[in-house]
Protein backbone atom coordinates (compact mmCIF):
# COMPACT_ATOMS: atom_id res chain seq x y z
CA VAL A 1 -9.88 30.17 -34.80
CA PHE A 2 -8.79 31.65 -38.13
CA GLY A 3 -10.18 28.65 -40.05
CA ARG A 4 -13.48 28.90 -38.22
CA LEU A 5 -14.06 32.67 -38.37
CA GLY A 6 -11.97 33.86 -41.28
CA LYS A 7 -9.30 36.56 -41.46
CA ALA A 8 -11.51 39.63 -41.14
CA ALA A 9 -13.40 38.34 -38.08
CA THR A 10 -10.22 37.06 -36.43
CA ASP A 11 -8.43 40.39 -36.96
CA ALA A 12 -11.38 42.24 -35.37
CA LEU A 13 -11.22 40.21 -32.13
CA THR A 14 -9.51 41.45 -28.99
CA GLU A 15 -7.02 39.17 -27.30
CA GLU A 16 -9.63 38.23 -24.69
CA GLN A 17 -12.22 37.42 -27.36
CA LEU A 18 -9.66 35.42 -29.33
CA LEU A 19 -8.82 33.35 -26.25
CA ALA A 20 -12.51 32.78 -25.57
CA GLU A 21 -13.02 31.56 -29.16
CA ALA A 22 -9.97 29.27 -28.91
CA LYS A 23 -11.24 27.87 -25.64
CA ASP A 24 -14.66 27.29 -27.17
CA ILE A 25 -13.04 25.28 -29.98
CA ALA A 26 -10.42 23.39 -27.96
CA VAL A 27 -12.13 22.65 -24.65
CA GLU A 28 -14.93 20.15 -24.68
CA GLN A 29 -17.63 21.53 -22.46
CA GLN A 30 -19.30 19.09 -20.11
CA ASN A 31 -22.61 19.35 -18.42
CA ARG A 32 -21.99 19.85 -14.70
CA LEU A 33 -24.80 17.42 -13.94
CA ILE A 34 -22.78 14.63 -15.56
CA ALA A 35 -19.80 15.45 -13.32
CA ARG A 36 -22.08 15.48 -10.27
CA LEU A 37 -23.52 12.09 -11.18
CA ARG A 38 -20.03 10.69 -11.75
CA LEU A 39 -18.94 12.03 -8.39
CA ALA A 40 -21.73 10.07 -6.71
CA GLU A 41 -20.39 6.88 -8.31
CA VAL A 42 -16.76 7.23 -7.21
CA LYS A 43 -15.86 4.58 -4.63
CA GLN A 44 -12.64 3.77 -2.81
CA GLU A 45 -10.83 0.91 -4.56
CA GLU A 46 -9.46 -2.19 -2.83
CA GLY A 47 -6.15 -1.26 -1.18
CA GLU A 48 -6.46 2.42 -2.16
CA ALA A 49 -5.20 4.83 0.49
CA ILE A 50 -7.69 7.43 1.69
CA THR A 51 -5.49 10.26 0.40
CA ALA A 52 -5.42 8.71 -3.09
CA PHE A 53 -9.21 8.36 -2.97
CA GLU A 54 -9.58 12.01 -1.94
CA THR A 55 -7.26 13.02 -4.78
CA ARG A 56 -9.46 11.15 -7.28
CA LEU A 57 -12.60 12.86 -5.96
CA ARG A 58 -11.41 16.47 -6.17
CA PRO A 59 -11.12 16.95 -9.96
CA VAL A 60 -14.54 15.37 -10.52
CA ALA A 61 -16.03 17.66 -7.85
CA ARG A 62 -14.46 20.74 -9.45
CA LEU A 63 -16.17 19.89 -12.74
CA GLY A 64 -19.49 19.81 -10.84
CA LYS A 65 -19.16 23.54 -10.10
CA PHE A 66 -20.67 23.43 -6.63
CA LYS A 67 -21.25 27.16 -6.21
CA LYS A 68 -24.27 29.22 -5.19
CA PRO A 69 -24.87 32.95 -4.92
CA CYS A 70 -24.51 34.30 -1.39
CA THR A 71 -27.91 34.88 0.21
CA ARG A 72 -26.85 37.88 2.31
CA PRO A 73 -28.48 41.06 1.02
CA GLY A 74 -26.10 43.02 -1.19
CA CYS A 75 -23.32 40.42 -1.06
CA GLY A 76 -23.18 39.31 -4.70
CA GLU A 77 -20.38 36.80 -4.02
CA GLU A 78 -20.49 33.15 -5.01
CA VAL A 79 -20.19 30.59 -2.21
CA ASP A 80 -18.11 27.55 -3.14
CA TYR A 81 -19.20 24.44 -1.26
CA THR A 82 -17.02 21.95 -3.17
CA GLU A 83 -15.10 21.00 -0.02
CA GLU A 84 -18.29 19.87 1.74
CA VAL A 85 -19.36 17.87 -1.31
CA VAL A 86 -15.95 16.16 -1.51
CA LEU A 87 -16.15 15.29 2.20
CA ASP A 88 -19.69 13.89 1.84
CA ASN A 89 -18.69 11.77 -1.16
CA LEU A 90 -15.46 10.65 0.49
CA ILE A 91 -17.41 9.31 3.47
CA ARG A 92 -20.10 7.76 1.27
CA GLY A 93 -17.51 6.09 -0.95
CA LEU A 94 -15.39 4.52 1.81
CA ARG A 95 -14.81 0.83 1.04
CA GLU A 96 -14.68 -0.47 4.61
CA GLU A 97 -18.03 -0.33 6.42
CA GLU A 98 -16.33 -0.52 9.82
CA ILE A 99 -14.27 2.60 9.08
CA LYS A 100 -17.33 4.34 7.62
CA THR A 101 -19.21 3.59 10.86
CA LYS A 102 -16.45 5.20 12.93
CA VAL A 103 -16.50 8.28 10.72
CA MET A 104 -20.29 8.50 10.92
CA ALA A 105 -20.02 8.38 14.72
CA MET A 106 -17.93 11.58 14.74
CA ASP A 107 -19.50 14.73 16.14
CA ASP A 108 -20.78 17.01 13.37
CA THR A 109 -18.80 19.96 14.70
CA THR A 110 -15.48 18.08 14.43
CA CYS A 111 -16.23 16.16 11.22
CA THR A 112 -13.97 18.07 8.82
CA MET A 113 -11.89 16.82 5.91
CA LYS A 114 -8.76 17.04 8.05
CA THR A 115 -10.18 15.05 10.98
CA VAL A 116 -11.79 12.43 8.73
CA LEU A 117 -8.57 11.91 6.80
CA LYS A 118 -6.63 11.62 10.06
CA LEU A 119 -9.06 9.03 11.46
CA VAL A 120 -9.16 6.95 8.28
CA GLN A 121 -5.37 7.08 7.87
CA ALA A 122 -4.97 5.81 11.44
CA GLU A 123 -7.44 2.99 10.75
CA GLU A 124 -5.64 2.05 7.53
CA LEU A 125 -2.28 2.07 9.30
CA GLY A 126 -3.70 -0.13 12.05
CA ARG A 127 -5.05 -2.63 9.53
CA ARG A 128 -1.74 -2.77 7.64
CA SER A 129 0.13 -3.24 10.93
CA VAL A 130 -2.14 -6.09 12.02
CA ARG A 131 -1.66 -7.81 8.64
CA ALA A 132 2.12 -7.39 8.92
CA VAL A 133 2.13 -8.92 12.41
CA LYS A 134 0.00 -11.84 11.19
CA ASP A 135 2.43 -12.38 8.32
CA LEU A 136 5.34 -12.38 10.77
CA ASP A 137 3.50 -14.82 13.04
CA GLY A 138 3.32 -17.24 10.11
CA VAL A 139 7.06 -16.89 9.51
CA TYR A 140 7.87 -17.42 13.19
CA ALA A 141 5.51 -20.40 13.39
CA MET A 142 7.35 -22.03 10.49
CA SER A 143 10.68 -21.31 12.13
CA THR A 144 9.49 -22.81 15.41
CA TYR A 145 8.21 -25.88 13.54
CA GLN A 146 11.55 -26.32 11.80
CA ARG A 147 13.46 -25.92 15.09
CA GLN A 148 11.28 -28.57 16.75
CA ARG A 149 11.83 -31.00 13.85
CA ARG A 150 15.57 -30.48 13.98
CA ALA A 151 15.64 -30.91 17.76
CA ALA A 152 13.71 -34.17 17.42
CA GLY A 153 16.06 -35.38 14.66
CA LEU A 154 13.25 -35.38 12.10
CA ASP A 155 14.97 -33.15 9.59
CA ASN A 156 14.33 -34.87 6.22
CA LYS A 157 16.99 -33.02 4.31
CA VAL A 158 18.83 -35.34 1.95
CA PRO A 159 22.53 -34.58 1.74
CA VAL A 160 23.69 -33.48 -1.69
CA VAL A 161 26.44 -35.71 -3.07
CA PRO A 162 28.75 -33.95 -5.49
CA GLY A 163 28.09 -35.10 -9.09
CA ASN A 164 24.60 -36.38 -8.08
CA PRO A 165 21.74 -33.95 -8.82
């Protein structure tokens, strides 16, 4: 700040003004429209858990500054609707169409971030469990195959003779 404004101007600043000047120099400002457009492009990656996807969405949404003035007469407060935007983009960005269909079938009154995350986590767990069972089925099938070969005397293992590789 000193190098930018000089000694006299820097000495005249209050602490609050000095911090504002430092922030202006150090923090690269970004157009909120760019953050909003980026948010619309965020998609769930292959194998990415829903909670990780939600975590990736939130910082981008915060940069979008989704706030509006309250419309009640005399209120003057700002209404933050970031949570709704994150939920909308989370649903839109879901990788699996089947899961997205189940979420879209939810009743509007119960479609909250908490309920959507719970539903998608259950679906993801179910898919992982099915894959694990299928993997085990392959292992058991091989074991059954080997047992049948051994029982039929068809085991082709060649005995290892010491000194012979």
